[in-house]
Amino acid sequence: MIKQSELNAMTRTQLEALLKKVQKTLDGRSDGVRKTKAIVQLTKLAKKHGFSLDELMDSGGKKRVVKRGRGLAGRKVPPKYQDPDSPSLKWSGRGRNPKWVDAALARGLTMEDLKIR
């Protein structure tokens, strides 16, 4: 708990900031109370009609799990770029640039120059 002497020592700006924090806390508590009351009322109403609140909130069947594919991640793709100085160095264009690509770009070459034709 903040003592009166501590409040007296605070500047107006500090007091206003404290007031905002207190108001936010109070608002959060009142929202929580309202939510609790609403849940109690809904539970009673559901029970009156022979259901539980969980049964009413269920989507009516098994929960559907959406599986997301990995897209192109992890799949091998053919190389698109090749080092003109060392043709054995190739790159698909995915991920970070290899050092040889950065070096070629620094020498003034473009990505188009590095493309495999």
PDB file of N, CA and C in Angstrom:
ATOM      1  N   MET A   1       0.850  -1.173   0.000  1.00  0.00           N
ATOM      2  CA  MET A   1       0.000   0.000   0.000  1.00  0.00           C
ATOM      3  C   MET A   1       0.897   1.238   0.000  1.00  0.00           C
ATOM      4  N   ILE A   2       0.518   2.209  -0.774  1.00  0.00           N
ATOM      5  CA  ILE A   2       1.297   3.439  -0.867  1.00  0.00           C
ATOM      6  C   ILE A   2       0.895   4.371   0.273  1.00  0.00           C
ATOM      7  N   LYS A   3       1.898   4.913   0.939  1.00  0.00           N
ATOM      8  CA  LYS A   3       1.637   5.828   2.055  1.00  0.00           C
ATOM      9  C   LYS A   3       1.374   7.230   1.523  1.00  0.00           C
ATOM     10  N   GLN A   4       0.668   8.016   2.314  1.00  0.00           N
ATOM     11  CA  GLN A   4       0.339   9.387   1.936  1.00  0.00           C
ATOM     12  C   GLN A   4       1.601  10.205   1.690  1.00  0.00           C
ATOM     13  N   SER A   5       2.633   9.980   2.491  1.00  0.00           N
ATOM     14  CA  SER A   5       3.874  10.738   2.316  1.00  0.00           C
ATOM     15  C   SER A   5       4.525  10.423   0.964  1.00  0.00           C
ATOM     16  N   GLU A   6       4.400   9.160   0.512  1.00  0.00           N
ATOM     17  CA  GLU A   6       4.934   8.794  -0.796  1.00  0.00           C
ATOM     18  C   GLU A   6       4.147   9.477  -1.907  1.00  0.00           C
ATOM     19  N   LEU A   7       2.829   9.550  -1.740  1.00  0.00           N
ATOM     20  CA  LEU A   7       1.995  10.235  -2.729  1.00  0.00           C
ATOM     21  C   LEU A   7       2.340  11.718  -2.790  1.00  0.00           C
ATOM     22  N   ASN A   8       2.556  12.324  -1.618  1.00  0.00           N
ATOM     23  CA  ASN A   8       2.891  13.748  -1.570  1.00  0.00           C
ATOM     24  C   ASN A   8       4.225  14.041  -2.255  1.00  0.00           C
ATOM     25  N   ALA A   9       5.129  13.079  -2.255  1.00  0.00           N
ATOM     26  CA  ALA A   9       6.449  13.277  -2.849  1.00  0.00           C
ATOM     27  C   ALA A   9       6.432  13.108  -4.375  1.00  0.00           C
ATOM     28  N   MET A  10       5.342  12.570  -4.922  1.00  0.00           N
ATOM     29  CA  MET A  10       5.262  12.313  -6.366  1.00  0.00           C
ATOM     30  C   MET A  10       4.893  13.579  -7.133  1.00  0.00           C
ATOM     31  N   THR A  11       5.376  13.645  -8.375  1.00  0.00           N
ATOM     32  CA  THR A  11       5.016  14.772  -9.239  1.00  0.00           C
ATOM     33  C   THR A  11       3.617  14.527  -9.806  1.00  0.00           C
ATOM     34  N   ARG A  12       3.071  15.563 -10.415  1.00  0.00           N
ATOM     35  CA  ARG A  12       1.737  15.436 -11.012  1.00  0.00           C
ATOM     36  C   ARG A  12       1.735  14.352 -12.104  1.00  0.00           C
ATOM     37  N   THR A  13       2.789  14.323 -12.915  1.00  0.00           N
ATOM     38  CA  THR A  13       2.885  13.330 -13.990  1.00  0.00           C
ATOM     39  C   THR A  13       2.920  11.915 -13.423  1.00  0.00           C
ATOM     40  N   GLN A  14       3.689  11.727 -12.355  1.00  0.00           N
ATOM     41  CA  GLN A  14       3.770  10.412 -11.716  1.00  0.00           C
ATOM     42  C   GLN A  14       2.418  10.005 -11.138  1.00  0.00           C
ATOM     43  N   LEU A  15       1.718  10.965 -10.531  1.00  0.00           N
ATOM     44  CA  LEU A  15       0.405  10.669  -9.961  1.00  0.00           C
ATOM     45  C   LEU A  15      -0.598  10.300 -11.053  1.00  0.00           C
ATOM     46  N   GLU A  16      -0.546  11.009 -12.175  1.00  0.00           N
ATOM     47  CA  GLU A  16      -1.460  10.697 -13.276  1.00  0.00           C
ATOM     48  C   GLU A  16      -1.168   9.311 -13.851  1.00  0.00           C
ATOM     49  N   ALA A  17       0.105   8.948 -13.947  1.00  0.00           N
ATOM     50  CA  ALA A  17       0.473   7.619 -14.436  1.00  0.00           C
ATOM     51  C   ALA A  17      -0.025   6.545 -13.473  1.00  0.00           C
ATOM     52  N   LEU A  18       0.120   6.805 -12.183  1.00  0.00           N
ATOM     53  CA  LEU A  18      -0.363   5.873 -11.167  1.00  0.00           C
ATOM     54  C   LEU A  18      -1.879   5.732 -11.259  1.00  0.00           C
ATOM     55  N   LEU A  19      -2.561   6.850 -11.459  1.00  0.00           N
ATOM     56  CA  LEU A  19      -4.016   6.838 -11.574  1.00  0.00           C
ATOM     57  C   LEU A  19      -4.455   5.990 -12.769  1.00  0.00           C
ATOM     58  N   LYS A  20      -3.746   6.102 -13.890  1.00  0.00           N
ATOM     59  CA  LYS A  20      -4.076   5.300 -15.070  1.00  0.00           C
ATOM     60  C   LYS A  20      -3.918   3.810 -14.781  1.00  0.00           C
ATOM     61  N   LYS A  21      -2.831   3.453 -14.079  1.00  0.00           N
ATOM     62  CA  LYS A  21      -2.604   2.047 -13.740  1.00  0.00           C
ATOM     63  C   LYS A  21      -3.707   1.520 -12.834  1.00  0.00           C
ATOM     64  N   VAL A  22      -4.089   2.327 -11.854  1.00  0.00           N
ATOM     65  CA  VAL A  22      -5.141   1.917 -10.920  1.00  0.00           C
ATOM     66  C   VAL A  22      -6.460   1.752 -11.667  1.00  0.00           C
ATOM     67  N   GLN A  23      -6.776   2.692 -12.554  1.00  0.00           N
ATOM     68  CA  GLN A  23      -8.027   2.621 -13.314  1.00  0.00           C
ATOM     69  C   GLN A  23      -8.052   1.383 -14.207  1.00  0.00           C
ATOM     70  N   LYS A  24      -6.919   1.070 -14.820  1.00  0.00           N
ATOM     71  CA  LYS A  24      -6.837  -0.109 -15.684  1.00  0.00           C
ATOM     72  C   LYS A  24      -7.066  -1.383 -14.869  1.00  0.00           C
ATOM     73  N   THR A  25      -6.490  -1.438 -13.676  1.00  0.00           N
ATOM     74  CA  THR A  25      -6.673  -2.591 -12.803  1.00  0.00           C
ATOM     75  C   THR A  25      -8.135  -2.735 -12.403  1.00  0.00           C
ATOM     76  N   LEU A  26      -8.757  -1.619 -12.041  1.00  0.00           N
ATOM     77  CA  LEU A  26     -10.170  -1.658 -11.651  1.00  0.00           C
ATOM     78  C   LEU A  26     -11.058  -2.091 -12.812  1.00  0.00           C
ATOM     79  N   ASP A  27     -10.778  -1.581 -13.997  1.00  0.00           N
ATOM     80  CA  ASP A  27     -11.560  -1.966 -15.171  1.00  0.00           C
ATOM     81  C   ASP A  27     -11.436  -3.464 -15.435  1.00  0.00           C
ATOM     82  N   GLY A  28     -10.230  -3.990 -15.293  1.00  0.00           N
ATOM     83  CA  GLY A  28     -10.010  -5.421 -15.498  1.00  0.00           C
ATOM     84  C   GLY A  28     -10.776  -6.257 -14.499  1.00  0.00           C
ATOM     85  N   ARG A  29     -10.832  -5.801 -13.264  1.00  0.00           N
ATOM     86  CA  ARG A  29     -11.565  -6.538 -12.245  1.00  0.00           C
ATOM     87  C   ARG A  29     -13.061  -6.513 -12.521  1.00  0.00           C
ATOM     88  N   SER A  30     -13.574  -5.368 -12.950  1.00  0.00           N
ATOM     89  CA  SER A  30     -15.012  -5.297 -13.208  1.00  0.00           C
ATOM     90  C   SER A  30     -15.374  -6.156 -14.416  1.00  0.00           C
ATOM     91  N   ASP A  31     -14.490  -6.236 -15.422  1.00  0.00           N
ATOM     92  CA  ASP A  31     -14.738  -7.116 -16.562  1.00  0.00           C
ATOM     93  C   ASP A  31     -14.767  -8.571 -16.109  1.00  0.00           C
ATOM     94  N   GLY A  32     -13.861  -8.929 -15.223  1.00  0.00           N
ATOM     95  CA  GLY A  32     -13.818 -10.295 -14.711  1.00  0.00           C
ATOM     96  C   GLY A  32     -15.080 -10.657 -13.956  1.00  0.00           C
ATOM     97  N   VAL A  33     -15.589  -9.724 -13.165  1.00  0.00           N
ATOM     98  CA  VAL A  33     -16.822  -9.962 -12.406  1.00  0.00           C
ATOM     99  C   VAL A  33     -17.988 -10.140 -13.368  1.00  0.00           C
ATOM    100  N   ARG A  34     -18.061  -9.287 -14.389  1.00  0.00           N
ATOM    101  CA  ARG A  34     -19.150  -9.387 -15.374  1.00  0.00           C
ATOM    102  C   ARG A  34     -19.088 -10.714 -16.126  1.00  0.00           C
ATOM    103  N   LYS A  35     -17.885 -11.147 -16.480  1.00  0.00           N
ATOM    104  CA  LYS A  35     -17.740 -12.419 -17.186  1.00  0.00           C
ATOM    105  C   LYS A  35     -18.194 -13.576 -16.306  1.00  0.00           C
ATOM    106  N   THR A  36     -17.799 -13.541 -15.044  1.00  0.00           N
ATOM    107  CA  THR A  36     -18.182 -14.607 -14.119  1.00  0.00           C
ATOM    108  C   THR A  36     -19.693 -14.676 -13.980  1.00  0.00           C
ATOM    109  N   LYS A  37     -20.340 -13.524 -13.824  1.00  0.00           N
ATOM    110  CA  LYS A  37     -21.802 -13.498 -13.706  1.00  0.00           C
ATOM    111  C   LYS A  37     -22.457 -14.048 -14.970  1.00  0.00           C
ATOM    112  N   ALA A  38     -21.929 -13.682 -16.125  1.00  0.00           N
ATOM    113  CA  ALA A  38     -22.494 -14.158 -17.386  1.00  0.00           C
ATOM    114  C   ALA A  38     -22.353 -15.672 -17.509  1.00  0.00           C
ATOM    115  N   ILE A  39     -21.205 -16.212 -17.114  1.00  0.00           N
ATOM    116  CA  ILE A  39     -20.991 -17.658 -17.185  1.00  0.00           C
ATOM    117  C   ILE A  39     -21.958 -18.385 -16.269  1.00  0.00           C
ATOM    118  N   VAL A  40     -22.164 -17.857 -15.066  1.00  0.00           N
ATOM    119  CA  VAL A  40     -23.104 -18.474 -14.122  1.00  0.00           C
ATOM    120  C   VAL A  40     -24.508 -18.482 -14.716  1.00  0.00           C
ATOM    121  N   GLN A  41     -24.934 -17.362 -15.296  1.00  0.00           N
ATOM    122  CA  GLN A  41     -26.270 -17.282 -15.891  1.00  0.00           C
ATOM    123  C   GLN A  41     -26.409 -18.247 -17.067  1.00  0.00           C
ATOM    124  N   LEU A  42     -25.393 -18.306 -17.912  1.00  0.00           N
ATOM    125  CA  LEU A  42     -25.444 -19.215 -19.055  1.00  0.00           C
ATOM    126  C   LEU A  42     -25.461 -20.674 -18.613  1.00  0.00           C
ATOM    127  N   THR A  43     -24.712 -21.003 -17.571  1.00  0.00           N
ATOM    128  CA  THR A  43     -24.692 -22.366 -17.054  1.00  0.00           C
ATOM    129  C   THR A  43     -26.065 -22.764 -16.541  1.00  0.00           C
ATOM    130  N   LYS A  44     -26.712 -21.857 -15.802  1.00  0.00           N
ATOM    131  CA  LYS A  44     -28.062 -22.136 -15.285  1.00  0.00           C
ATOM    132  C   LYS A  44     -29.051 -22.327 -16.428  1.00  0.00           C
ATOM    133  N   LEU A  45     -28.975 -21.484 -17.436  1.00  0.00           N
ATOM    134  CA  LEU A  45     -29.886 -21.570 -18.575  1.00  0.00           C
ATOM    135  C   LEU A  45     -29.672 -22.876 -19.347  1.00  0.00           C
ATOM    136  N   ALA A  46     -28.418 -23.262 -19.540  1.00  0.00           N
ATOM    137  CA  ALA A  46     -28.126 -24.512 -20.237  1.00  0.00           C
ATOM    138  C   ALA A  46     -28.655 -25.699 -19.443  1.00  0.00           C
ATOM    139  N   LYS A  47     -28.459 -25.672 -18.119  1.00  0.00           N
ATOM    140  CA  LYS A  47     -28.928 -26.758 -17.256  1.00  0.00           C
ATOM    141  C   LYS A  47     -30.448 -26.863 -17.307  1.00  0.00           C
ATOM    142  N   LYS A  48     -31.119 -25.722 -17.362  1.00  0.00           N
ATOM    143  CA  LYS A  48     -32.587 -25.680 -17.433  1.00  0.00           C
ATOM    144  C   LYS A  48     -33.084 -26.417 -18.679  1.00  0.00           C
ATOM    145  N   HIS A  49     -32.310 -26.356 -19.753  1.00  0.00           N
ATOM    146  CA  HIS A  49     -32.687 -27.006 -21.005  1.00  0.00           C
ATOM    147  C   HIS A  49     -32.057 -28.390 -21.168  1.00  0.00           C
ATOM    148  N   GLY A  50     -31.385 -28.879 -20.139  1.00  0.00           N
ATOM    149  CA  GLY A  50     -30.850 -30.231 -20.154  1.00  0.00           C
ATOM    150  C   GLY A  50     -29.473 -30.379 -20.775  1.00  0.00           C
ATOM    151  N   PHE A  51     -28.730 -29.317 -20.816  1.00  0.00           N
ATOM    152  CA  PHE A  51     -27.382 -29.360 -21.377  1.00  0.00           C
ATOM    153  C   PHE A  51     -26.375 -28.828 -20.375  1.00  0.00           C
ATOM    154  N   SER A  52     -25.117 -29.144 -20.645  1.00  0.00           N
ATOM    155  CA  SER A  52     -24.053 -28.465 -19.908  1.00  0.00           C
ATOM    156  C   SER A  52     -23.538 -27.356 -20.818  1.00  0.00           C
ATOM    157  N   LEU A  53     -22.866 -26.409 -20.237  1.00  0.00           N
ATOM    158  CA  LEU A  53     -22.327 -25.306 -21.034  1.00  0.00           C
ATOM    159  C   LEU A  53     -21.301 -25.828 -22.040  1.00  0.00           C
ATOM    160  N   ASP A  54     -20.527 -26.839 -21.638  1.00  0.00           N
ATOM    161  CA  ASP A  54     -19.535 -27.427 -22.545  1.00  0.00           C
ATOM    162  C   ASP A  54     -20.200 -28.070 -23.758  1.00  0.00           C
ATOM    163  N   GLU A  55     -21.344 -28.741 -23.534  1.00  0.00           N
ATOM    164  CA  GLU A  55     -22.048 -29.364 -24.657  1.00  0.00           C
ATOM    165  C   GLU A  55     -22.525 -28.319 -25.660  1.00  0.00           C
ATOM    166  N   LEU A  56     -22.992 -27.197 -25.162  1.00  0.00           N
ATOM    167  CA  LEU A  56     -23.478 -26.147 -26.047  1.00  0.00           C
ATOM    168  C   LEU A  56     -22.342 -25.465 -26.788  1.00  0.00           C
ATOM    169  N   MET A  57     -21.201 -25.372 -26.158  1.00  0.00           N
ATOM    170  CA  MET A  57     -20.070 -24.694 -26.785  1.00  0.00           C
ATOM    171  C   MET A  57     -19.348 -25.599 -27.774  1.00  0.00           C
ATOM    172  N   ASP A  58     -19.599 -26.921 -27.700  1.00  0.00           N
ATOM    173  CA  ASP A  58     -18.971 -27.852 -28.631  1.00  0.00           C
ATOM    174  C   ASP A  58     -19.499 -27.588 -30.029  1.00  0.00           C
ATOM    175  N   SER A  59     -18.669 -27.831 -31.033  1.00  0.00           N
ATOM    176  CA  SER A  59     -19.045 -27.533 -32.420  1.00  0.00           C
ATOM    177  C   SER A  59     -20.028 -28.543 -32.989  1.00  0.00           C
ATOM    178  N   GLY A  60     -20.455 -29.523 -32.186  1.00  0.00           N
ATOM    179  CA  GLY A  60     -21.447 -30.473 -32.666  1.00  0.00           C
ATOM    180  C   GLY A  60     -20.841 -31.765 -33.180  1.00  0.00           C
ATOM    181  N   GLY A  61     -19.604 -31.938 -33.087  1.00  0.00           N
ATOM    182  CA  GLY A  61     -18.958 -33.153 -33.567  1.00  0.00           C
ATOM    183  C   GLY A  61     -17.534 -33.197 -33.089  1.00  0.00           C
ATOM    184  N   LYS A  62     -16.789 -34.037 -33.745  1.00  0.00           N
ATOM    185  CA  LYS A  62     -15.381 -34.120 -33.384  1.00  0.00           C
ATOM    186  C   LYS A  62     -14.692 -32.823 -33.756  1.00  0.00           C
ATOM    187  N   LYS A  63     -13.752 -32.463 -32.954  1.00  0.00           N
ATOM    188  CA  LYS A  63     -12.995 -31.253 -33.262  1.00  0.00           C
ATOM    189  C   LYS A  63     -12.148 -31.511 -34.490  1.00  0.00           C
ATOM    190  N   ARG A  64     -12.158 -30.549 -35.352  1.00  0.00           N
ATOM    191  CA  ARG A  64     -11.439 -30.677 -36.605  1.00  0.00           C
ATOM    192  C   ARG A  64     -10.034 -30.119 -36.445  1.00  0.00           C
ATOM    193  N   VAL A  65      -9.088 -30.922 -36.784  1.00  0.00           N
ATOM    194  CA  VAL A  65      -7.701 -30.488 -36.712  1.00  0.00           C
ATOM    195  C   VAL A  65      -7.250 -30.155 -38.126  1.00  0.00           C
ATOM    196  N   VAL A  66      -6.774 -28.962 -38.287  1.00  0.00           N
ATOM    197  CA  VAL A  66      -6.299 -28.539 -39.597  1.00  0.00           C
ATOM    198  C   VAL A  66      -4.804 -28.795 -39.661  1.00  0.00           C
ATOM    199  N   LYS A  67      -4.425 -29.646 -40.590  1.00  0.00           N
ATOM    200  CA  LYS A  67      -3.002 -29.919 -40.767  1.00  0.00           C
ATOM    201  C   LYS A  67      -2.488 -29.025 -41.869  1.00  0.00           C
ATOM    202  N   ARG A  68      -1.418 -28.409 -41.596  1.00  0.00           N
ATOM    203  CA  ARG A  68      -0.819 -27.529 -42.589  1.00  0.00           C
ATOM    204  C   ARG A  68       0.355 -28.240 -43.226  1.00  0.00           C
ATOM    205  N   GLY A  69       0.401 -28.139 -44.521  1.00  0.00           N
ATOM    206  CA  GLY A  69       1.511 -28.743 -45.245  1.00  0.00           C
ATOM    207  C   GLY A  69       2.782 -27.944 -45.037  1.00  0.00           C
ATOM    208  N   ARG A  70       3.866 -28.554 -45.350  1.00  0.00           N
ATOM    209  CA  ARG A  70       5.145 -27.875 -45.177  1.00  0.00           C
ATOM    210  C   ARG A  70       5.499 -27.037 -46.388  1.00  0.00           C
ATOM    211  N   GLY A  71       4.629 -27.015 -47.385  1.00  0.00           N
ATOM    212  CA  GLY A  71       4.940 -26.225 -48.571  1.00  0.00           C
ATOM    213  C   GLY A  71       6.175 -26.767 -49.259  1.00  0.00           C
ATOM    214  N   LEU A  72       7.055 -25.912 -49.653  1.00  0.00           N
ATOM    215  CA  LEU A  72       8.280 -26.334 -50.329  1.00  0.00           C
ATOM    216  C   LEU A  72       9.419 -26.607 -49.359  1.00  0.00           C
ATOM    217  N   ALA A  73       9.205 -26.299 -48.096  1.00  0.00           N
ATOM    218  CA  ALA A  73      10.276 -26.485 -47.119  1.00  0.00           C
ATOM    219  C   ALA A  73      10.666 -27.954 -47.053  1.00  0.00           C
ATOM    220  N   GLY A  74      11.938 -28.223 -47.115  1.00  0.00           N
ATOM    221  CA  GLY A  74      12.443 -29.580 -46.991  1.00  0.00           C
ATOM    222  C   GLY A  74      12.486 -30.347 -48.305  1.00  0.00           C
ATOM    223  N   ARG A  75      11.901 -29.811 -49.342  1.00  0.00           N
ATOM    224  CA  ARG A  75      11.918 -30.490 -50.632  1.00  0.00           C
ATOM    225  C   ARG A  75      13.151 -30.062 -51.428  1.00  0.00           C
ATOM    226  N   LYS A  76      13.689 -31.004 -52.142  1.00  0.00           N
ATOM    227  CA  LYS A  76      14.845 -30.703 -52.993  1.00  0.00           C
ATOM    228  C   LYS A  76      14.350 -30.013 -54.257  1.00  0.00           C
ATOM    229  N   VAL A  77      15.019 -28.956 -54.617  1.00  0.00           N
ATOM    230  CA  VAL A  77      14.705 -28.261 -55.863  1.00  0.00           C
ATOM    231  C   VAL A  77      15.998 -28.128 -56.662  1.00  0.00           C
ATOM    232  N   PRO A  78      15.876 -28.088 -57.967  1.00  0.00           N
ATOM    233  CA  PRO A  78      17.101 -27.984 -58.773  1.00  0.00           C
ATOM    234  C   PRO A  78      17.767 -26.627 -58.586  1.00  0.00           C
ATOM    235  N   PRO A  79      19.078 -26.569 -58.738  1.00  0.00           N
ATOM    236  CA  PRO A  79      19.781 -25.294 -58.581  1.00  0.00           C
ATOM    237  C   PRO A  79      19.419 -24.312 -59.689  1.00  0.00           C
ATOM    238  N   LYS A  80      19.363 -23.039 -59.329  1.00  0.00           N
ATOM    239  CA  LYS A  80      19.052 -21.975 -60.291  1.00  0.00           C
ATOM    240  C   LYS A  80      20.275 -21.119 -60.590  1.00  0.00           C
ATOM    241  N   TYR A  81      21.237 -21.132 -59.667  1.00  0.00           N
ATOM    242  CA  TYR A  81      22.396 -20.248 -59.805  1.00  0.00           C
ATOM    243  C   TYR A  81      23.680 -21.069 -59.731  1.00  0.00           C
ATOM    244  N   GLN A  82      24.709 -20.560 -60.409  1.00  0.00           N
ATOM    245  CA  GLN A  82      25.992 -21.255 -60.453  1.00  0.00           C
ATOM    246  C   GLN A  82      27.117 -20.232 -60.424  1.00  0.00           C
ATOM    247  N   ASP A  83      28.180 -20.565 -59.697  1.00  0.00           N
ATOM    248  CA  ASP A  83      29.343 -19.686 -59.619  1.00  0.00           C
ATOM    249  C   ASP A  83      30.087 -19.734 -60.957  1.00  0.00           C
ATOM    250  N   PRO A  84      30.253 -18.578 -61.633  1.00  0.00           N
ATOM    251  CA  PRO A  84      30.951 -18.593 -62.929  1.00  0.00           C
ATOM    252  C   PRO A  84      32.423 -18.983 -62.803  1.00  0.00           C
ATOM    253  N   ASP A  85      33.038 -18.737 -61.653  1.00  0.00           N
ATOM    254  CA  ASP A  85      34.452 -19.069 -61.464  1.00  0.00           C
ATOM    255  C   ASP A  85      34.647 -20.535 -61.098  1.00  0.00           C
ATOM    256  N   SER A  86      33.670 -21.105 -60.419  1.00  0.00           N
ATOM    257  CA  SER A  86      33.764 -22.496 -59.988  1.00  0.00           C
ATOM    258  C   SER A  86      32.407 -23.160 -60.246  1.00  0.00           C
ATOM    259  N   PRO A  87      32.207 -23.743 -61.430  1.00  0.00           N
ATOM    260  CA  PRO A  87      30.905 -24.279 -61.820  1.00  0.00           C
ATOM    261  C   PRO A  87      30.349 -25.370 -60.904  1.00  0.00           C
ATOM    262  N   SER A  88      31.179 -25.940 -60.045  1.00  0.00           N
ATOM    263  CA  SER A  88      30.666 -26.969 -59.136  1.00  0.00           C
ATOM    264  C   SER A  88      29.845 -26.358 -57.996  1.00  0.00           C
ATOM    265  N   LEU A  89      29.982 -25.047 -57.774  1.00  0.00           N
ATOM    266  CA  LEU A  89      29.215 -24.372 -56.724  1.00  0.00           C
ATOM    267  C   LEU A  89      27.879 -23.925 -57.297  1.00  0.00           C
ATOM    268  N   LYS A  90      26.806 -24.537 -56.794  1.00  0.00           N
ATOM    269  CA  LYS A  90      25.462 -24.224 -57.278  1.00  0.00           C
ATOM    270  C   LYS A  90      24.563 -23.922 -56.091  1.00  0.00           C
ATOM    271  N   TRP A  91      23.468 -23.205 -56.394  1.00  0.00           N
ATOM    272  CA  TRP A  91      22.543 -22.801 -55.335  1.00  0.00           C
ATOM    273  C   TRP A  91      21.136 -22.768 -55.901  1.00  0.00           C
ATOM    274  N   SER A  92      20.165 -23.222 -55.104  1.00  0.00           N
ATOM    275  CA  SER A  92      18.768 -23.281 -55.555  1.00  0.00           C
ATOM    276  C   SER A  92      18.059 -21.932 -55.476  1.00  0.00           C
ATOM    277  N   GLY A  93      18.626 -20.996 -54.740  1.00  0.00           N
ATOM    278  CA  GLY A  93      17.975 -19.693 -54.580  1.00  0.00           C
ATOM    279  C   GLY A  93      17.139 -19.615 -53.318  1.00  0.00           C
ATOM    280  N   ARG A  94      17.120 -20.679 -52.527  1.00  0.00           N
ATOM    281  CA  ARG A  94      16.352 -20.693 -51.282  1.00  0.00           C
ATOM    282  C   ARG A  94      17.293 -20.535 -50.098  1.00  0.00           C
ATOM    283  N   GLY A  95      16.830 -19.863 -49.079  1.00  0.00           N
ATOM    284  CA  GLY A  95      17.646 -19.651 -47.886  1.00  0.00           C
ATOM    285  C   GLY A  95      18.601 -18.481 -48.063  1.00  0.00           C
ATOM    286  N   ARG A  96      19.569 -18.426 -47.157  1.00  0.00           N
ATOM    287  CA  ARG A  96      20.565 -17.343 -47.217  1.00  0.00           C
ATOM    288  C   ARG A  96      21.460 -17.498 -48.428  1.00  0.00           C
ATOM    289  N   ASN A  97      21.960 -16.378 -48.891  1.00  0.00           N
ATOM    290  CA  ASN A  97      22.912 -16.416 -50.008  1.00  0.00           C
ATOM    291  C   ASN A  97      24.194 -17.107 -49.558  1.00  0.00           C
ATOM    292  N   PRO A  98      24.713 -18.022 -50.384  1.00  0.00           N
ATOM    293  CA  PRO A  98      26.026 -18.590 -50.072  1.00  0.00           C
ATOM    294  C   PRO A  98      27.096 -17.503 -50.189  1.00  0.00           C
ATOM    295  N   LYS A  99      28.239 -17.750 -49.585  1.00  0.00           N
ATOM    296  CA  LYS A  99      29.320 -16.755 -49.608  1.00  0.00           C
ATOM    297  C   LYS A  99      29.753 -16.429 -51.032  1.00  0.00           C
ATOM    298  N   TRP A 100      29.767 -17.435 -51.903  1.00  0.00           N
ATOM    299  CA  TRP A 100      30.206 -17.167 -53.277  1.00  0.00           C
ATOM    300  C   TRP A 100      29.232 -16.242 -54.006  1.00  0.00           C
ATOM    301  N   VAL A 101      27.929 -16.298 -53.657  1.00  0.00           N
ATOM    302  CA  VAL A 101      26.948 -15.387 -54.267  1.00  0.00           C
ATOM    303  C   VAL A 101      27.210 -13.970 -53.776  1.00  0.00           C
ATOM    304  N   ASP A 102      27.403 -13.818 -52.467  1.00  0.00           N
ATOM    305  CA  ASP A 102      27.684 -12.488 -51.916  1.00  0.00           C
ATOM    306  C   ASP A 102      28.959 -11.901 -52.528  1.00  0.00           C
ATOM    307  N   ALA A 103      29.977 -12.750 -52.699  1.00  0.00           N
ATOM    308  CA  ALA A 103      31.238 -12.279 -53.280  1.00  0.00           C
ATOM    309  C   ALA A 103      31.038 -11.854 -54.734  1.00  0.00           C
ATOM    310  N   ALA A 104      30.255 -12.625 -55.483  1.00  0.00           N
ATOM    311  CA  ALA A 104      30.006 -12.288 -56.892  1.00  0.00           C
ATOM    312  C   ALA A 104      29.214 -10.990 -57.000  1.00  0.00           C
ATOM    313  N   LEU A 105      28.238 -10.807 -56.124  1.00  0.00           N
ATOM    314  CA  LEU A 105      27.454  -9.570 -56.137  1.00  0.00           C
ATOM    315  C   LEU A 105      28.329  -8.377 -55.772  1.00  0.00           C
ATOM    316  N   ALA A 106      29.270  -8.586 -54.848  1.00  0.00           N
ATOM    317  CA  ALA A 106      30.180  -7.511 -54.448  1.00  0.00           C
ATOM    318  C   ALA A 106      31.115  -7.131 -55.601  1.00  0.00           C
ATOM    319  N   ARG A 107      31.417  -8.105 -56.470  1.00  0.00           N
ATOM    320  CA  ARG A 107      32.272  -7.825 -57.635  1.00  0.00           C
ATOM    321  C   ARG A 107      31.507  -7.113 -58.744  1.00  0.00           C
ATOM    322  N   GLY A 108      30.196  -6.955 -58.582  1.00  0.00           N
ATOM    323  CA  GLY A 108      29.423  -6.232 -59.588  1.00  0.00           C
ATOM    324  C   GLY A 108      28.540  -7.110 -60.451  1.00  0.00           C
ATOM    325  N   LEU A 109      28.583  -8.427 -60.248  1.00  0.00           N
ATOM    326  CA  LEU A 109      27.704  -9.309 -61.013  1.00  0.00           C
ATOM    327  C   LEU A 109      26.277  -9.191 -60.474  1.00  0.00           C
ATOM    328  N   THR A 110      25.316  -9.560 -61.290  1.00  0.00           N
ATOM    329  CA  THR A 110      23.914  -9.548 -60.849  1.00  0.00           C
ATOM    330  C   THR A 110      23.442 -10.989 -60.689  1.00  0.00           C
ATOM    331  N   MET A 111      22.290 -11.156 -60.067  1.00  0.00           N
ATOM    332  CA  MET A 111      21.729 -12.497 -59.915  1.00  0.00           C
ATOM    333  C   MET A 111      21.435 -13.093 -61.294  1.00  0.00           C
ATOM    334  N   GLU A 112      21.064 -12.244 -62.219  1.00  0.00           N
ATOM    335  CA  GLU A 112      20.806 -12.700 -63.593  1.00  0.00           C
ATOM    336  C   GLU A 112      22.085 -13.273 -64.210  1.00  0.00           C
ATOM    337  N   ASP A 113      23.235 -12.674 -63.894  1.00  0.00           N
ATOM    338  CA  ASP A 113      24.515 -13.174 -64.410  1.00  0.00           C
ATOM    339  C   ASP A 113      24.837 -14.558 -63.852  1.00  0.00           C
ATOM    340  N   LEU A 114      24.344 -14.857 -62.659  1.00  0.00           N
ATOM    341  CA  LEU A 114      24.658 -16.124 -61.999  1.00  0.00           C
ATOM    342  C   LEU A 114      23.674 -17.236 -62.358  1.00  0.00           C
ATOM    343  N   LYS A 115      22.593 -16.895 -63.038  1.00  0.00           N
ATOM    344  CA  LYS A 115      21.573 -17.887 -63.372  1.00  0.00           C
ATOM    345  C   LYS A 115      22.127 -18.969 -64.282  1.00  0.00           C
ATOM    346  N   ILE A 116      21.683 -20.202 -64.027  1.00  0.00           N
ATOM    347  CA  ILE A 116      22.059 -21.318 -64.899  1.00  0.00           C
ATOM    348  C   ILE A 116      21.177 -21.242 -66.136  1.00  0.00           C
ATOM    349  N   ARG A 117      21.805 -21.335 -67.295  1.00  0.00           N
ATOM    350  CA  ARG A 117      21.032 -21.236 -68.555  1.00  0.00           C
ATOM    351  C   ARG A 117      20.937 -22.572 -69.227  1.00  0.00           C
TER     352      ARG A 117
END
